[in-house]
């Protein structure tokens, strides 16, 4: 926003605060999907079935060039999750494989990683971590001579739904299905694969963690089936979160995103509801239902910039434009 005139910045900020926006649809697809997406620069990457497509934004950021910049293939089943790292796309597939695609070339490698679908993946500092329905998390090297070489296999004893590497590159956290007698949030040493600690102590059975993200080396956010977003500060306590926000309609929270400051956005399981929260308050600021009853869909993934919010649902990619409401 530094290059945007002050008057424009104030206007856009007020639109976010007041919930003033224009809703639109950027992409549609015929079959129900469970898309994941990432933003990088003026490009949007989104999974559809067993492909990942790259689109370029038009200058306004509120529309896409219709022809994809690139199509990244290689999985035999749907892409479950992917991240962008070091000019690569690291993808996790329902075929139990991890794909490594160079963004600016045709280089693609895929390798068998797990016995069942790979639900989540992260990559930082040349290290890949993956989590699977097969109740394991694994650590891999991104180095060209060691692609597909597993450095550690961790028996989580529970299905892994989400995973994230700490910014310090010393540990990673797994979010699991909470079907055992242990916390669904556990932190593991990246170098040894040993359990370091677990977060929280009062999760009900089935309170699986579907999305999580580090904000700093000592703070992270999580959300999932128990309808809460939780904010953890490892300096204060690993047994209790320092703040939590409850989805008011008791819906599963599929995804979250934060600006690293006060704004928090969540995606719910029913009617494509996107909620905006001010983290200094308990109550939700604004709710935007993006689907009607016949096509009720979870918000599988959401991302936002200073001016726009993008939400991926079963049949459409939606946009909330806060610059030109």
C-alpha atoms as a PDB file:
ATOM      1  CA  UNK A   1       0.000   0.000   0.000  1.00  0.00           C
ATOM      2  CA  UNK A   2       3.049   2.324   0.278  1.00  0.00           C
ATOM      3  CA  UNK A   3       2.677   3.453  -3.357  1.00  0.00           C
ATOM      4  CA  UNK A   4      -1.063   4.156  -2.935  1.00  0.00           C
ATOM      5  CA  UNK A   5      -2.049   7.776  -2.151  1.00  0.00           C
ATOM      6  CA  UNK A   6      -2.992   8.382   1.486  1.00  0.00           C
ATOM      7  CA  UNK A   7      -6.571   9.338   0.614  1.00  0.00           C
ATOM      8  CA  UNK A   8      -7.050   6.064  -1.271  1.00  0.00           C
ATOM      9  CA  UNK A   9      -5.516   4.073   1.591  1.00  0.00           C
ATOM     10  CA  UNK A  10      -7.906   5.650   4.094  1.00  0.00           C
ATOM     11  CA  UNK A  11     -10.894   4.922   1.854  1.00  0.00           C
ATOM     12  CA  UNK A  12      -9.940   1.258   1.373  1.00  0.00           C
ATOM     13  CA  UNK A  13      -9.254   0.861   5.099  1.00  0.00           C
ATOM     14  CA  UNK A  14     -12.692   2.253   5.942  1.00  0.00           C
ATOM     15  CA  UNK A  15     -14.310  -0.116   3.431  1.00  0.00           C
ATOM     16  CA  UNK A  16     -12.732  -3.115   5.181  1.00  0.00           C
ATOM     17  CA  UNK A  17     -13.781  -1.812   8.596  1.00  0.00           C
ATOM     18  CA  UNK A  18     -17.380  -1.148   7.479  1.00  0.00           C
ATOM     19  CA  UNK A  19     -17.684  -4.274   5.338  1.00  0.00           C
ATOM     20  CA  UNK A  20     -18.261  -2.293   2.137  1.00  0.00           C
ATOM     21  CA  UNK A  21     -17.302  -4.348  -0.894  1.00  0.00           C
ATOM     22  CA  UNK A  22     -18.438  -5.561  -4.294  1.00  0.00           C
ATOM     23  CA  UNK A  23     -18.829  -9.291  -4.746  1.00  0.00           C
ATOM     24  CA  UNK A  24     -17.914 -10.988  -8.007  1.00  0.00           C
ATOM     25  CA  UNK A  25     -16.894 -14.325  -9.522  1.00  0.00           C
ATOM     26  CA  UNK A  26     -13.478 -14.684 -11.176  1.00  0.00           C
ATOM     27  CA  UNK A  27     -13.613 -18.349 -12.236  1.00  0.00           C
ATOM     28  CA  UNK A  28     -16.254 -21.057 -12.570  1.00  0.00           C
ATOM     29  CA  UNK A  29     -15.980 -24.826 -13.060  1.00  0.00           C
ATOM     30  CA  UNK A  30     -18.621 -27.413 -13.868  1.00  0.00           C
ATOM     31  CA  UNK A  31     -17.761 -30.162 -11.385  1.00  0.00           C
ATOM     32  CA  UNK A  32     -17.548 -29.778  -7.641  1.00  0.00           C
ATOM     33  CA  UNK A  33     -13.925 -29.235  -6.546  1.00  0.00           C
ATOM     34  CA  UNK A  34     -11.971 -28.770  -3.330  1.00  0.00           C
ATOM     35  CA  UNK A  35      -9.629 -26.058  -4.599  1.00  0.00           C
ATOM     36  CA  UNK A  36      -6.553 -24.643  -2.897  1.00  0.00           C
ATOM     37  CA  UNK A  37      -4.860 -21.424  -3.959  1.00  0.00           C
ATOM     38  CA  UNK A  38      -1.852 -19.173  -3.452  1.00  0.00           C
ATOM     39  CA  UNK A  39      -1.040 -15.607  -4.470  1.00  0.00           C
ATOM     40  CA  UNK A  40       2.364 -14.421  -5.620  1.00  0.00           C
ATOM     41  CA  UNK A  41       2.940 -10.982  -7.108  1.00  0.00           C
ATOM     42  CA  UNK A  42       0.405 -10.416  -9.879  1.00  0.00           C
ATOM     43  CA  UNK A  43      -0.356 -14.136 -10.246  1.00  0.00           C
ATOM     44  CA  UNK A  44      -2.936 -16.464  -8.728  1.00  0.00           C
ATOM     45  CA  UNK A  45      -2.346 -20.222  -8.530  1.00  0.00           C
ATOM     46  CA  UNK A  46      -5.349 -22.491  -7.992  1.00  0.00           C
ATOM     47  CA  UNK A  47      -5.833 -26.264  -8.007  1.00  0.00           C
ATOM     48  CA  UNK A  48      -8.612 -27.838 -10.061  1.00  0.00           C
ATOM     49  CA  UNK A  49      -8.844 -31.651  -9.897  1.00  0.00           C
ATOM     50  CA  UNK A  50      -5.321 -33.002 -10.556  1.00  0.00           C
ATOM     51  CA  UNK A  51      -3.982 -29.757 -12.096  1.00  0.00           C
ATOM     52  CA  UNK A  52      -2.661 -26.463 -10.762  1.00  0.00           C
ATOM     53  CA  UNK A  53      -3.369 -23.452 -12.966  1.00  0.00           C
ATOM     54  CA  UNK A  54      -1.594 -20.096 -12.878  1.00  0.00           C
ATOM     55  CA  UNK A  55      -3.498 -16.946 -13.875  1.00  0.00           C
ATOM     56  CA  UNK A  56      -2.304 -13.376 -14.184  1.00  0.00           C
ATOM     57  CA  UNK A  57      -4.306 -10.572 -12.614  1.00  0.00           C
ATOM     58  CA  UNK A  58      -5.265  -7.612 -14.727  1.00  0.00           C
ATOM     59  CA  UNK A  59      -3.917  -4.280 -13.358  1.00  0.00           C
ATOM     60  CA  UNK A  60      -7.045  -3.618 -11.272  1.00  0.00           C
ATOM     61  CA  UNK A  61      -6.532  -6.844  -9.274  1.00  0.00           C
ATOM     62  CA  UNK A  62     -10.272  -7.488  -9.552  1.00  0.00           C
ATOM     63  CA  UNK A  63     -10.175  -9.623 -12.708  1.00  0.00           C
ATOM     64  CA  UNK A  64      -8.008 -12.304 -14.332  1.00  0.00           C
ATOM     65  CA  UNK A  65      -6.690 -12.857 -17.817  1.00  0.00           C
ATOM     66  CA  UNK A  66      -8.829 -15.745 -19.028  1.00  0.00           C
ATOM     67  CA  UNK A  67      -5.976 -17.755 -20.540  1.00  0.00           C
ATOM     68  CA  UNK A  68      -3.815 -19.443 -17.858  1.00  0.00           C
ATOM     69  CA  UNK A  69      -0.136 -18.515 -17.684  1.00  0.00           C
ATOM     70  CA  UNK A  70       0.722 -22.116 -16.948  1.00  0.00           C
ATOM     71  CA  UNK A  71      -0.728 -25.523 -16.168  1.00  0.00           C
ATOM     72  CA  UNK A  72       1.101 -27.831 -13.779  1.00  0.00           C
ATOM     73  CA  UNK A  73       0.158 -31.504 -13.940  1.00  0.00           C
ATOM     74  CA  UNK A  74       1.561 -34.781 -12.673  1.00  0.00           C
ATOM     75  CA  UNK A  75      -0.831 -36.157 -10.063  1.00  0.00           C
ATOM     76  CA  UNK A  76      -3.099 -39.113 -10.801  1.00  0.00           C
ATOM     77  CA  UNK A  77      -5.750 -37.869  -8.372  1.00  0.00           C
ATOM     78  CA  UNK A  78      -6.851 -34.470  -7.056  1.00  0.00           C
ATOM     79  CA  UNK A  79      -4.343 -31.985  -5.697  1.00  0.00           C
ATOM     80  CA  UNK A  80      -5.126 -31.659  -1.977  1.00  0.00           C
ATOM     81  CA  UNK A  81      -2.780 -28.808  -1.124  1.00  0.00           C
ATOM     82  CA  UNK A  82       0.227 -26.909  -2.456  1.00  0.00           C
ATOM     83  CA  UNK A  83       2.687 -24.161  -1.523  1.00  0.00           C
ATOM     84  CA  UNK A  84       5.013 -21.849  -3.460  1.00  0.00           C
ATOM     85  CA  UNK A  85       8.684 -21.862  -2.440  1.00  0.00           C
ATOM     86  CA  UNK A  86      11.992 -21.015  -4.111  1.00  0.00           C
ATOM     87  CA  UNK A  87      10.393 -20.641  -7.573  1.00  0.00           C
ATOM     88  CA  UNK A  88       8.828 -24.076  -7.123  1.00  0.00           C
ATOM     89  CA  UNK A  89       5.309 -25.373  -6.580  1.00  0.00           C
ATOM     90  CA  UNK A  90       5.273 -28.183  -4.028  1.00  0.00           C
ATOM     91  CA  UNK A  91       2.021 -30.119  -4.354  1.00  0.00           C
ATOM     92  CA  UNK A  92       0.342 -32.826  -2.267  1.00  0.00           C
ATOM     93  CA  UNK A  93      -1.928 -35.295  -4.029  1.00  0.00           C
ATOM     94  CA  UNK A  94      -4.692 -37.749  -3.314  1.00  0.00           C
ATOM     95  CA  UNK A  95      -2.491 -40.326  -5.056  1.00  0.00           C
ATOM     96  CA  UNK A  96      -0.083 -40.323  -2.086  1.00  0.00           C
ATOM     97  CA  UNK A  97       2.557 -38.421  -4.057  1.00  0.00           C
ATOM     98  CA  UNK A  98       4.380 -35.123  -3.714  1.00  0.00           C
ATOM     99  CA  UNK A  99       4.985 -33.078  -6.862  1.00  0.00           C
ATOM    100  CA  UNK A 100       7.805 -30.575  -7.359  1.00  0.00           C
ATOM    101  CA  UNK A 101       7.260 -28.183 -10.277  1.00  0.00           C
ATOM    102  CA  UNK A 102       9.561 -25.364 -11.359  1.00  0.00           C
ATOM    103  CA  UNK A 103       7.348 -22.357 -12.011  1.00  0.00           C
ATOM    104  CA  UNK A 104       9.292 -20.927 -14.940  1.00  0.00           C
ATOM    105  CA  UNK A 105      10.163 -24.159 -16.736  1.00  0.00           C
ATOM    106  CA  UNK A 106       8.692 -27.527 -17.644  1.00  0.00           C
ATOM    107  CA  UNK A 107      10.651 -29.324 -14.898  1.00  0.00           C
ATOM    108  CA  UNK A 108       8.331 -31.567 -12.874  1.00  0.00           C
ATOM    109  CA  UNK A 109       9.171 -34.422 -10.515  1.00  0.00           C
ATOM    110  CA  UNK A 110       6.735 -36.483  -8.494  1.00  0.00           C
ATOM    111  CA  UNK A 111       7.513 -39.215  -6.005  1.00  0.00           C
ATOM    112  CA  UNK A 112       5.597 -41.606  -3.787  1.00  0.00           C
ATOM    113  CA  UNK A 113       5.472 -40.075  -0.341  1.00  0.00           C
ATOM    114  CA  UNK A 114       2.696 -41.734   1.673  1.00  0.00           C
ATOM    115  CA  UNK A 115       0.520 -44.834   1.605  1.00  0.00           C
ATOM    116  CA  UNK A 116      -2.663 -42.737   1.460  1.00  0.00           C
ATOM    117  CA  UNK A 117      -3.550 -39.222   0.282  1.00  0.00           C
ATOM    118  CA  UNK A 118      -1.185 -36.403   1.214  1.00  0.00           C
ATOM    119  CA  UNK A 119      -3.471 -33.853   2.863  1.00  0.00           C
ATOM    120  CA  UNK A 120      -0.969 -31.064   3.482  1.00  0.00           C
ATOM    121  CA  UNK A 121       2.514 -29.869   2.668  1.00  0.00           C
ATOM    122  CA  UNK A 122       4.827 -26.976   3.528  1.00  0.00           C
ATOM    123  CA  UNK A 123       8.264 -25.931   2.329  1.00  0.00           C
ATOM    124  CA  UNK A 124      10.813 -23.502   3.757  1.00  0.00           C
ATOM    125  CA  UNK A 125      14.592 -23.300   3.657  1.00  0.00           C
ATOM    126  CA  UNK A 126      14.955 -26.176   1.232  1.00  0.00           C
ATOM    127  CA  UNK A 127      12.983 -28.562   3.463  1.00  0.00           C
ATOM    128  CA  UNK A 128       9.575 -30.088   2.676  1.00  0.00           C
ATOM    129  CA  UNK A 129       7.216 -31.457   5.325  1.00  0.00           C
ATOM    130  CA  UNK A 130       4.103 -33.465   4.483  1.00  0.00           C
ATOM    131  CA  UNK A 131       1.174 -34.928   6.384  1.00  0.00           C
ATOM    132  CA  UNK A 132      -1.144 -37.732   5.374  1.00  0.00           C
ATOM    133  CA  UNK A 133      -4.250 -39.717   6.122  1.00  0.00           C
ATOM    134  CA  UNK A 134      -1.893 -42.655   6.730  1.00  0.00           C
ATOM    135  CA  UNK A 135      -1.133 -41.155  10.183  1.00  0.00           C
ATOM    136  CA  UNK A 136       2.414 -40.075   9.412  1.00  0.00           C
ATOM    137  CA  UNK A 137       4.252 -36.817   8.861  1.00  0.00           C
ATOM    138  CA  UNK A 138       7.467 -36.852   6.841  1.00  0.00           C
ATOM    139  CA  UNK A 139      10.427 -34.545   6.294  1.00  0.00           C
ATOM    140  CA  UNK A 140      12.062 -34.310   2.854  1.00  0.00           C
ATOM    141  CA  UNK A 141      14.879 -32.408   1.173  1.00  0.00           C
ATOM    142  CA  UNK A 142      14.228 -30.062  -1.764  1.00  0.00           C
ATOM    143  CA  UNK A 143      17.879 -30.275  -2.862  1.00  0.00           C
ATOM    144  CA  UNK A 144      18.109 -31.435  -6.487  1.00  0.00           C
ATOM    145  CA  UNK A 145      20.283 -34.432  -5.703  1.00  0.00           C
ATOM    146  CA  UNK A 146      18.079 -35.559  -2.812  1.00  0.00           C
ATOM    147  CA  UNK A 147      14.537 -35.095  -4.151  1.00  0.00           C
ATOM    148  CA  UNK A 148      12.327 -37.886  -2.898  1.00  0.00           C
ATOM    149  CA  UNK A 149      14.709 -38.784  -0.077  1.00  0.00           C
ATOM    150  CA  UNK A 150      12.847 -38.991   3.241  1.00  0.00           C
ATOM    151  CA  UNK A 151      14.829 -37.528   6.136  1.00  0.00           C
ATOM    152  CA  UNK A 152      12.372 -38.442   8.919  1.00  0.00           C
ATOM    153  CA  UNK A 153       9.129 -40.385   9.254  1.00  0.00           C
ATOM    154  CA  UNK A 154       6.999 -39.455  12.267  1.00  0.00           C
ATOM    155  CA  UNK A 155       4.228 -41.715  13.497  1.00  0.00           C
ATOM    156  CA  UNK A 156       1.527 -39.240  14.507  1.00  0.00           C
ATOM    157  CA  UNK A 157      -1.012 -41.997  15.357  1.00  0.00           C
ATOM    158  CA  UNK A 158      -3.705 -39.774  13.861  1.00  0.00           C
ATOM    159  CA  UNK A 159      -4.650 -38.452  10.436  1.00  0.00           C
ATOM    160  CA  UNK A 160      -2.740 -35.267   9.600  1.00  0.00           C
ATOM    161  CA  UNK A 161      -4.883 -32.472   8.151  1.00  0.00           C
ATOM    162  CA  UNK A 162      -2.527 -29.466   8.324  1.00  0.00           C
ATOM    163  CA  UNK A 163       1.167 -28.721   8.710  1.00  0.00           C
ATOM    164  CA  UNK A 164       3.467 -25.670   8.920  1.00  0.00           C
ATOM    165  CA  UNK A 165       7.203 -25.065   9.334  1.00  0.00           C
ATOM    166  CA  UNK A 166       8.345 -22.511  11.913  1.00  0.00           C
ATOM    167  CA  UNK A 167       9.970 -19.346  10.477  1.00  0.00           C
ATOM    168  CA  UNK A 168      13.112 -20.297  12.427  1.00  0.00           C
ATOM    169  CA  UNK A 169      13.326 -23.567  10.411  1.00  0.00           C
ATOM    170  CA  UNK A 170      13.948 -25.479  13.633  1.00  0.00           C
ATOM    171  CA  UNK A 171      10.552 -27.139  14.103  1.00  0.00           C
ATOM    172  CA  UNK A 172       7.168 -27.732  12.517  1.00  0.00           C
ATOM    173  CA  UNK A 173       3.622 -28.133  13.785  1.00  0.00           C
ATOM    174  CA  UNK A 174       1.043 -30.730  12.773  1.00  0.00           C
ATOM    175  CA  UNK A 175      -2.726 -30.408  13.010  1.00  0.00           C
ATOM    176  CA  UNK A 176      -4.409 -33.810  13.293  1.00  0.00           C
ATOM    177  CA  UNK A 177      -7.925 -35.257  13.450  1.00  0.00           C
ATOM    178  CA  UNK A 178      -8.077 -35.414  17.281  1.00  0.00           C
ATOM    179  CA  UNK A 179      -9.236 -39.025  17.320  1.00  0.00           C
ATOM    180  CA  UNK A 180      -6.697 -40.141  19.926  1.00  0.00           C
ATOM    181  CA  UNK A 181      -5.906 -39.310  23.528  1.00  0.00           C
ATOM    182  CA  UNK A 182      -3.551 -36.448  22.731  1.00  0.00           C
ATOM    183  CA  UNK A 183      -3.686 -32.873  21.490  1.00  0.00           C
ATOM    184  CA  UNK A 184      -4.293 -32.377  17.757  1.00  0.00           C
ATOM    185  CA  UNK A 185      -1.577 -29.693  17.758  1.00  0.00           C
ATOM    186  CA  UNK A 186       1.960 -30.978  18.232  1.00  0.00           C
ATOM    187  CA  UNK A 187       5.338 -29.417  17.536  1.00  0.00           C
ATOM    188  CA  UNK A 188       8.211 -31.572  16.244  1.00  0.00           C
ATOM    189  CA  UNK A 189      11.945 -30.956  15.943  1.00  0.00           C
ATOM    190  CA  UNK A 190      12.784 -30.539  12.255  1.00  0.00           C
ATOM    191  CA  UNK A 191      16.314 -31.925  12.595  1.00  0.00           C
ATOM    192  CA  UNK A 192      15.585 -35.007  14.702  1.00  0.00           C
ATOM    193  CA  UNK A 193      11.874 -35.636  14.114  1.00  0.00           C
ATOM    194  CA  UNK A 194      11.298 -35.866  17.874  1.00  0.00           C
ATOM    195  CA  UNK A 195       8.211 -34.509  19.627  1.00  0.00           C
ATOM    196  CA  UNK A 196       8.978 -31.186  21.342  1.00  0.00           C
ATOM    197  CA  UNK A 197       5.614 -30.258  22.862  1.00  0.00           C
ATOM    198  CA  UNK A 198       1.878 -30.259  22.315  1.00  0.00           C
ATOM    199  CA  UNK A 199      -0.482 -27.281  22.417  1.00  0.00           C
ATOM    200  CA  UNK A 200      -3.639 -27.143  24.492  1.00  0.00           C
ATOM    201  CA  UNK A 201      -5.154 -29.696  26.835  1.00  0.00           C
ATOM    202  CA  UNK A 202      -8.948 -29.490  26.553  1.00  0.00           C
ATOM    203  CA  UNK A 203      -9.818 -30.347  22.939  1.00  0.00           C
ATOM    204  CA  UNK A 204     -13.007 -32.413  22.597  1.00  0.00           C
ATOM    205  CA  UNK A 205     -12.813 -35.641  20.547  1.00  0.00           C
ATOM    206  CA  UNK A 206     -13.011 -34.913  16.829  1.00  0.00           C
ATOM    207  CA  UNK A 207     -11.716 -31.337  17.158  1.00  0.00           C
ATOM    208  CA  UNK A 208      -9.433 -31.795  14.160  1.00  0.00           C
ATOM    209  CA  UNK A 209      -7.278 -28.882  12.981  1.00  0.00           C
ATOM    210  CA  UNK A 210      -7.888 -28.095   9.300  1.00  0.00           C
ATOM    211  CA  UNK A 211      -5.693 -25.019   8.904  1.00  0.00           C
ATOM    212  CA  UNK A 212      -2.864 -23.399  10.805  1.00  0.00           C
ATOM    213  CA  UNK A 213      -0.215 -20.769  10.180  1.00  0.00           C
ATOM    214  CA  UNK A 214       2.748 -19.211  11.939  1.00  0.00           C
ATOM    215  CA  UNK A 215       2.708 -15.436  12.303  1.00  0.00           C
ATOM    216  CA  UNK A 216       6.127 -15.326  13.947  1.00  0.00           C
ATOM    217  CA  UNK A 217       8.536 -17.896  15.424  1.00  0.00           C
ATOM    218  CA  UNK A 218       6.553 -17.853  18.680  1.00  0.00           C
ATOM    219  CA  UNK A 219       2.966 -17.195  17.566  1.00  0.00           C
ATOM    220  CA  UNK A 220       0.554 -19.195  15.430  1.00  0.00           C
ATOM    221  CA  UNK A 221      -3.147 -19.504  14.598  1.00  0.00           C
ATOM    222  CA  UNK A 222      -5.255 -22.644  14.187  1.00  0.00           C
ATOM    223  CA  UNK A 223      -8.840 -23.503  13.252  1.00  0.00           C
ATOM    224  CA  UNK A 224     -10.924 -26.570  12.472  1.00  0.00           C
ATOM    225  CA  UNK A 225     -13.859 -28.792  13.329  1.00  0.00           C
ATOM    226  CA  UNK A 226     -14.551 -27.417  16.808  1.00  0.00           C
ATOM    227  CA  UNK A 227     -15.582 -24.023  15.307  1.00  0.00           C
ATOM    228  CA  UNK A 228     -12.851 -21.983  17.044  1.00  0.00           C
ATOM    229  CA  UNK A 229      -9.906 -19.936  15.829  1.00  0.00           C
ATOM    230  CA  UNK A 230      -7.159 -20.060  18.426  1.00  0.00           C
ATOM    231  CA  UNK A 231      -4.152 -17.781  18.795  1.00  0.00           C
ATOM    232  CA  UNK A 232      -1.133 -19.389  20.467  1.00  0.00           C
ATOM    233  CA  UNK A 233       1.854 -17.604  21.966  1.00  0.00           C
ATOM    234  CA  UNK A 234       4.538 -20.152  22.803  1.00  0.00           C
ATOM    235  CA  UNK A 235       6.280 -17.628  25.071  1.00  0.00           C
ATOM    236  CA  UNK A 236       3.213 -17.361  27.314  1.00  0.00           C
ATOM    237  CA  UNK A 237       1.941 -20.948  27.457  1.00  0.00           C
ATOM    238  CA  UNK A 238       1.723 -24.109  25.394  1.00  0.00           C
ATOM    239  CA  UNK A 239      -1.186 -25.421  27.464  1.00  0.00           C
ATOM    240  CA  UNK A 240      -3.656 -22.631  26.780  1.00  0.00           C
ATOM    241  CA  UNK A 241      -4.168 -20.274  23.851  1.00  0.00           C
ATOM    242  CA  UNK A 242      -3.995 -16.555  24.589  1.00  0.00           C
ATOM    243  CA  UNK A 243      -7.071 -15.681  22.492  1.00  0.00           C
ATOM    244  CA  UNK A 244      -9.924 -17.503  20.748  1.00  0.00           C
ATOM    245  CA  UNK A 245     -12.814 -16.600  18.473  1.00  0.00           C
ATOM    246  CA  UNK A 246     -15.899 -18.804  18.041  1.00  0.00           C
ATOM    247  CA  UNK A 247     -17.790 -19.198  14.752  1.00  0.00           C
ATOM    248  CA  UNK A 248     -21.240 -17.916  15.800  1.00  0.00           C
ATOM    249  CA  UNK A 249     -23.265 -20.453  13.768  1.00  0.00           C
ATOM    250  CA  UNK A 250     -21.338 -23.474  15.045  1.00  0.00           C
ATOM    251  CA  UNK A 251     -19.818 -24.189  11.619  1.00  0.00           C
ATOM    252  CA  UNK A 252     -16.542 -25.952  10.969  1.00  0.00           C
ATOM    253  CA  UNK A 253     -13.788 -23.511  10.006  1.00  0.00           C
ATOM    254  CA  UNK A 254     -11.928 -24.753   6.933  1.00  0.00           C
ATOM    255  CA  UNK A 255      -9.363 -21.987   6.535  1.00  0.00           C
ATOM    256  CA  UNK A 256      -7.993 -18.775   7.957  1.00  0.00           C
ATOM    257  CA  UNK A 257      -5.821 -15.876   6.878  1.00  0.00           C
ATOM    258  CA  UNK A 258      -4.386 -12.871   8.696  1.00  0.00           C
ATOM    259  CA  UNK A 259      -2.654  -9.645   7.766  1.00  0.00           C
ATOM    260  CA  UNK A 260      -0.222 -10.077  10.656  1.00  0.00           C
ATOM    261  CA  UNK A 261      -1.871  -7.170  12.448  1.00  0.00           C
ATOM    262  CA  UNK A 262      -5.530  -6.887  13.534  1.00  0.00           C
ATOM    263  CA  UNK A 263      -7.441  -8.374  10.596  1.00  0.00           C
ATOM    264  CA  UNK A 264      -8.419 -12.043  10.576  1.00  0.00           C
ATOM    265  CA  UNK A 265     -10.509 -13.777   7.897  1.00  0.00           C
ATOM    266  CA  UNK A 266     -12.077 -17.247   8.169  1.00  0.00           C
ATOM    267  CA  UNK A 267     -13.931 -19.558   5.806  1.00  0.00           C
ATOM    268  CA  UNK A 268     -16.868 -21.622   7.128  1.00  0.00           C
ATOM    269  CA  UNK A 269     -18.320 -24.983   6.115  1.00  0.00           C
ATOM    270  CA  UNK A 270     -21.856 -23.822   5.204  1.00  0.00           C
ATOM    271  CA  UNK A 271     -23.112 -21.358   2.557  1.00  0.00           C
ATOM    272  CA  UNK A 272     -19.618 -20.203   1.667  1.00  0.00           C
ATOM    273  CA  UNK A 273     -19.507 -17.801   4.605  1.00  0.00           C
ATOM    274  CA  UNK A 274     -16.420 -15.606   4.857  1.00  0.00           C
ATOM    275  CA  UNK A 275     -16.085 -13.777   8.163  1.00  0.00           C
ATOM    276  CA  UNK A 276     -13.886 -10.804   9.009  1.00  0.00           C
ATOM    277  CA  UNK A 277     -12.697 -10.341  12.578  1.00  0.00           C
ATOM    278  CA  UNK A 278     -10.897  -7.589  14.447  1.00  0.00           C
ATOM    279  CA  UNK A 279      -8.569  -9.545  16.699  1.00  0.00           C
ATOM    280  CA  UNK A 280      -8.979  -6.942  19.436  1.00  0.00           C
ATOM    281  CA  UNK A 281     -12.651  -7.951  19.708  1.00  0.00           C
ATOM    282  CA  UNK A 282     -14.447 -11.229  20.407  1.00  0.00           C
ATOM    283  CA  UNK A 283     -17.387 -10.770  18.044  1.00  0.00           C
ATOM    284  CA  UNK A 284     -17.256 -11.116  14.284  1.00  0.00           C
ATOM    285  CA  UNK A 285     -17.127  -7.798  12.388  1.00  0.00           C
ATOM    286  CA  UNK A 286     -18.756  -8.861   9.112  1.00  0.00           C
ATOM    287  CA  UNK A 287     -20.055 -12.002   7.409  1.00  0.00           C
ATOM    288  CA  UNK A 288     -20.366 -12.541   3.656  1.00  0.00           C
ATOM    289  CA  UNK A 289     -22.392 -15.614   2.537  1.00  0.00           C
ATOM    290  CA  UNK A 290     -21.141 -16.399  -0.969  1.00  0.00           C
ATOM    291  CA  UNK A 291     -23.514 -19.244  -1.902  1.00  0.00           C
ATOM    292  CA  UNK A 292     -27.259 -19.843  -1.765  1.00  0.00           C
ATOM    293  CA  UNK A 293     -28.948 -22.911  -0.260  1.00  0.00           C
ATOM    294  CA  UNK A 294     -28.995 -25.183  -3.370  1.00  0.00           C
ATOM    295  CA  UNK A 295     -25.228 -24.854  -3.836  1.00  0.00           C
ATOM    296  CA  UNK A 296     -24.045 -24.590  -0.250  1.00  0.00           C
ATOM    297  CA  UNK A 297     -20.276 -25.028  -0.148  1.00  0.00           C
ATOM    298  CA  UNK A 298     -17.450 -24.655   2.329  1.00  0.00           C
ATOM    299  CA  UNK A 299     -14.846 -21.980   1.776  1.00  0.00           C
ATOM    300  CA  UNK A 300     -11.932 -24.296   1.074  1.00  0.00           C
ATOM    301  CA  UNK A 301      -9.290 -21.584   0.849  1.00  0.00           C
ATOM    302  CA  UNK A 302      -9.087 -17.815   1.098  1.00  0.00           C
ATOM    303  CA  UNK A 303      -6.400 -15.212   0.490  1.00  0.00           C
ATOM    304  CA  UNK A 304      -6.426 -11.430   0.590  1.00  0.00           C
ATOM    305  CA  UNK A 305      -4.400  -8.405  -0.435  1.00  0.00           C
ATOM    306  CA  UNK A 306      -4.777  -4.842   0.798  1.00  0.00           C
ATOM    307  CA  UNK A 307      -7.693  -4.273  -1.597  1.00  0.00           C
ATOM    308  CA  UNK A 308      -9.265  -7.647  -2.400  1.00  0.00           C
ATOM    309  CA  UNK A 309     -10.269 -10.925  -0.785  1.00  0.00           C
ATOM    310  CA  UNK A 310     -10.387 -14.152  -2.839  1.00  0.00           C
ATOM    311  CA  UNK A 311     -12.373 -17.201  -1.698  1.00  0.00           C
ATOM    312  CA  UNK A 312     -12.299 -20.636  -3.375  1.00  0.00           C
ATOM    313  CA  UNK A 313     -15.556 -22.634  -3.129  1.00  0.00           C
ATOM    314  CA  UNK A 314     -16.762 -25.874  -4.705  1.00  0.00           C
ATOM    315  CA  UNK A 315     -17.908 -24.310  -8.003  1.00  0.00           C
ATOM    316  CA  UNK A 316     -16.479 -20.780  -8.119  1.00  0.00           C
ATOM    317  CA  UNK A 317     -13.607 -18.504  -7.215  1.00  0.00           C
ATOM    318  CA  UNK A 318     -15.179 -15.438  -5.596  1.00  0.00           C
ATOM    319  CA  UNK A 319     -13.773 -11.971  -5.057  1.00  0.00           C
ATOM    320  CA  UNK A 320     -14.697  -9.284  -2.538  1.00  0.00           C
ATOM    321  CA  UNK A 321     -13.470  -5.944  -3.923  1.00  0.00           C
ATOM    322  CA  UNK A 322     -12.920  -3.397  -1.148  1.00  0.00           C
ATOM    323  CA  UNK A 323     -11.381  -0.819  -3.480  1.00  0.00           C
ATOM    324  CA  UNK A 324     -14.457  -0.258  -5.654  1.00  0.00           C
ATOM    325  CA  UNK A 325     -17.506  -1.381  -3.623  1.00  0.00           C
END
